[in-house]
Amino acid sequence: MLEKPSFPENWVLDFGPQLCLLDNRTLHLLSNAIKYASETEPIRVSSLVSEELVTVRIQDRGRGIPADHQAGIFERFYRISNPSEPDPPGLGLGLYLTAQLIKQQGGQIWVESIEGMGSTFSFTLLRKSAS
């Protein structure tokens, strides 16, 4: 199992010169952050590159994910309904497909979230050796 890296708290947007991970994995997580985030708070995207790993983190200050739902959000068709808010469009496949793609590439994906305060989605991939 890959170890989760530590991130400085003040990172906003830091894509290093060797990194351009604005692909489907990152774009889906960013799209979710936009869907669920507060309109007045920033969405933070950061990356950390080491010799062996690339880690991308997307953080919002939206409604957050209840603790009892966090384990299920990467399952197929999993949706969280909030009776006091309309559900955004979606089928519950995006996080599942994103997680499957990352796992197929030998990576990990996880969420850290506090209901009412926001969520941070992170994924780590092994770097390909330069040949």
Protein backbone atom coordinates (compact mmCIF):
# COMPACT_ATOMS: atom_id res chain seq x y z
CA MET A 1 0.00 0.00 0.00
CA LEU A 2 1.29 3.46 -0.88
CA GLU A 3 1.78 5.91 1.95
CA LYS A 4 -0.24 9.15 1.91
CA PRO A 5 2.06 12.19 1.72
CA SER A 6 1.70 15.28 3.91
CA PHE A 7 0.67 18.53 2.24
CA PRO A 8 1.34 22.04 3.51
CA GLU A 9 -1.94 23.71 4.49
CA ASN A 10 -1.37 26.82 2.36
CA TRP A 11 -1.11 25.19 -1.08
CA VAL A 12 -3.44 26.69 -3.64
CA LEU A 13 -2.34 25.69 -7.15
CA ASP A 14 1.08 24.22 -7.68
CA PHE A 15 1.63 22.08 -10.74
CA GLY A 16 5.35 21.52 -11.00
CA PRO A 17 7.17 21.80 -14.33
CA GLN A 18 7.22 18.00 -14.83
CA LEU A 19 3.52 17.59 -14.13
CA CYS A 20 0.41 18.12 -16.18
CA LEU A 21 -2.30 15.90 -14.70
CA LEU A 22 -5.35 17.78 -15.95
CA ASP A 23 -6.73 14.59 -17.42
CA ASN A 24 -10.01 12.78 -16.81
CA ARG A 25 -9.08 11.80 -13.25
CA THR A 26 -8.33 15.34 -12.17
CA LEU A 27 -11.06 16.95 -14.24
CA HIS A 28 -13.75 14.70 -12.76
CA LEU A 29 -12.67 15.44 -9.19
CA LEU A 30 -12.49 19.16 -10.02
CA SER A 31 -15.96 19.02 -11.60
CA ASN A 32 -17.34 17.43 -8.42
CA ALA A 33 -15.69 20.11 -6.29
CA ILE A 34 -17.37 22.79 -8.40
CA LYS A 35 -20.74 21.01 -8.13
CA TYR A 36 -20.67 20.64 -4.36
CA ALA A 37 -18.53 23.58 -3.21
CA SER A 38 -19.63 26.90 -1.80
CA GLU A 39 -19.74 29.56 -4.51
CA THR A 40 -17.80 31.97 -2.31
CA GLU A 41 -14.92 29.70 -1.29
CA PRO A 42 -11.90 28.76 -3.43
CA ILE A 43 -11.23 25.27 -4.71
CA ARG A 44 -7.61 24.34 -4.13
CA VAL A 45 -5.72 22.06 -6.50
CA SER A 46 -2.24 20.97 -5.54
CA SER A 47 0.31 18.39 -6.58
CA LEU A 48 3.30 16.82 -4.97
CA VAL A 49 5.94 15.10 -7.07
CA SER A 50 8.61 12.86 -5.62
CA GLU A 51 11.01 10.44 -7.27
CA GLU A 52 8.47 7.62 -7.05
CA LEU A 53 5.02 9.21 -6.68
CA VAL A 54 2.77 11.89 -8.05
CA THR A 55 -0.01 13.01 -5.72
CA VAL A 56 -2.82 15.35 -6.69
CA ARG A 57 -5.19 16.89 -4.16
CA ILE A 58 -8.46 18.77 -4.83
CA GLN A 59 -9.96 20.54 -1.84
CA ASP A 60 -13.26 22.40 -1.52
CA ARG A 61 -15.11 24.11 1.30
CA GLY A 62 -18.52 22.75 0.32
CA ARG A 63 -21.10 20.75 2.20
CA GLY A 64 -18.74 17.87 2.92
CA ILE A 65 -19.54 14.17 3.06
CA PRO A 66 -21.08 12.57 6.16
CA ALA A 67 -18.64 10.16 7.81
CA ASP A 68 -21.02 7.21 7.38
CA HIS A 69 -21.05 7.72 3.59
CA GLN A 70 -17.34 8.21 2.95
CA ALA A 71 -16.50 4.51 2.58
CA GLY A 72 -19.16 4.07 -0.13
CA ILE A 73 -18.56 7.02 -2.42
CA PHE A 74 -16.18 5.11 -4.70
CA GLU A 75 -18.78 2.36 -5.29
CA ARG A 76 -20.75 2.16 -8.52
CA PHE A 77 -24.05 4.14 -8.51
CA TYR A 78 -23.46 5.46 -4.99
CA ARG A 79 -25.24 8.77 -4.40
CA ILE A 80 -25.80 10.79 -1.26
CA SER A 81 -29.13 12.57 -0.99
CA ASN A 82 -29.70 15.59 1.22
CA PRO A 83 -33.42 16.28 1.76
CA SER A 84 -32.74 19.99 2.34
CA GLU A 85 -30.87 20.50 -0.97
CA PRO A 86 -31.62 19.46 -4.55
CA ASP A 87 -29.41 16.68 -5.89
CA PRO A 88 -26.92 17.79 -8.54
CA PRO A 89 -27.14 15.87 -11.82
CA GLY A 90 -25.27 12.59 -12.05
CA LEU A 91 -25.58 8.82 -11.95
CA GLY A 92 -23.08 7.95 -9.22
CA LEU A 93 -20.54 6.62 -11.69
CA GLY A 94 -17.92 9.36 -11.83
CA LEU A 95 -16.06 8.64 -8.61
CA TYR A 96 -16.35 4.90 -9.22
CA LEU A 97 -14.81 5.18 -12.71
CA THR A 98 -12.14 7.60 -11.51
CA ALA A 99 -11.18 5.22 -8.68
CA GLN A 100 -11.08 2.22 -11.03
CA LEU A 101 -8.78 4.02 -13.47
CA ILE A 102 -6.43 5.09 -10.70
CA LYS A 103 -6.35 1.58 -9.18
CA GLN A 104 -5.69 0.01 -12.60
CA GLN A 105 -2.64 2.24 -12.86
CA GLY A 106 -1.34 1.10 -9.48
CA GLY A 107 -2.49 4.16 -7.58
CA GLN A 108 -4.69 5.01 -4.63
CA ILE A 109 -7.56 7.44 -4.16
CA TRP A 110 -9.03 8.64 -0.88
CA VAL A 111 -11.23 11.31 0.61
CA GLU A 112 -10.95 13.35 3.79
CA SER A 113 -14.14 15.21 4.61
CA ILE A 114 -16.00 16.91 7.42
CA GLU A 115 -19.71 17.44 6.93
CA GLY A 116 -20.45 21.15 6.58
CA MET A 117 -16.78 22.05 6.09
CA GLY A 118 -15.75 20.51 2.78
CA SER A 119 -13.88 17.63 1.22
CA THR A 120 -10.39 16.84 0.01
CA PHE A 121 -10.00 14.19 -2.67
CA SER A 122 -6.48 12.93 -3.27
CA PHE A 123 -4.95 10.39 -5.57
CA THR A 124 -1.45 9.02 -5.85
CA LEU A 125 0.14 7.33 -8.85
CA LEU A 126 3.53 5.76 -9.32
CA ARG A 127 5.74 7.84 -11.60
CA LYS A 128 6.85 6.20 -14.80
CA SER A 129 10.59 5.94 -15.05
CA ALA A 130 12.09 8.21 -17.67
CA SER A 131 13.48 6.11 -20.48
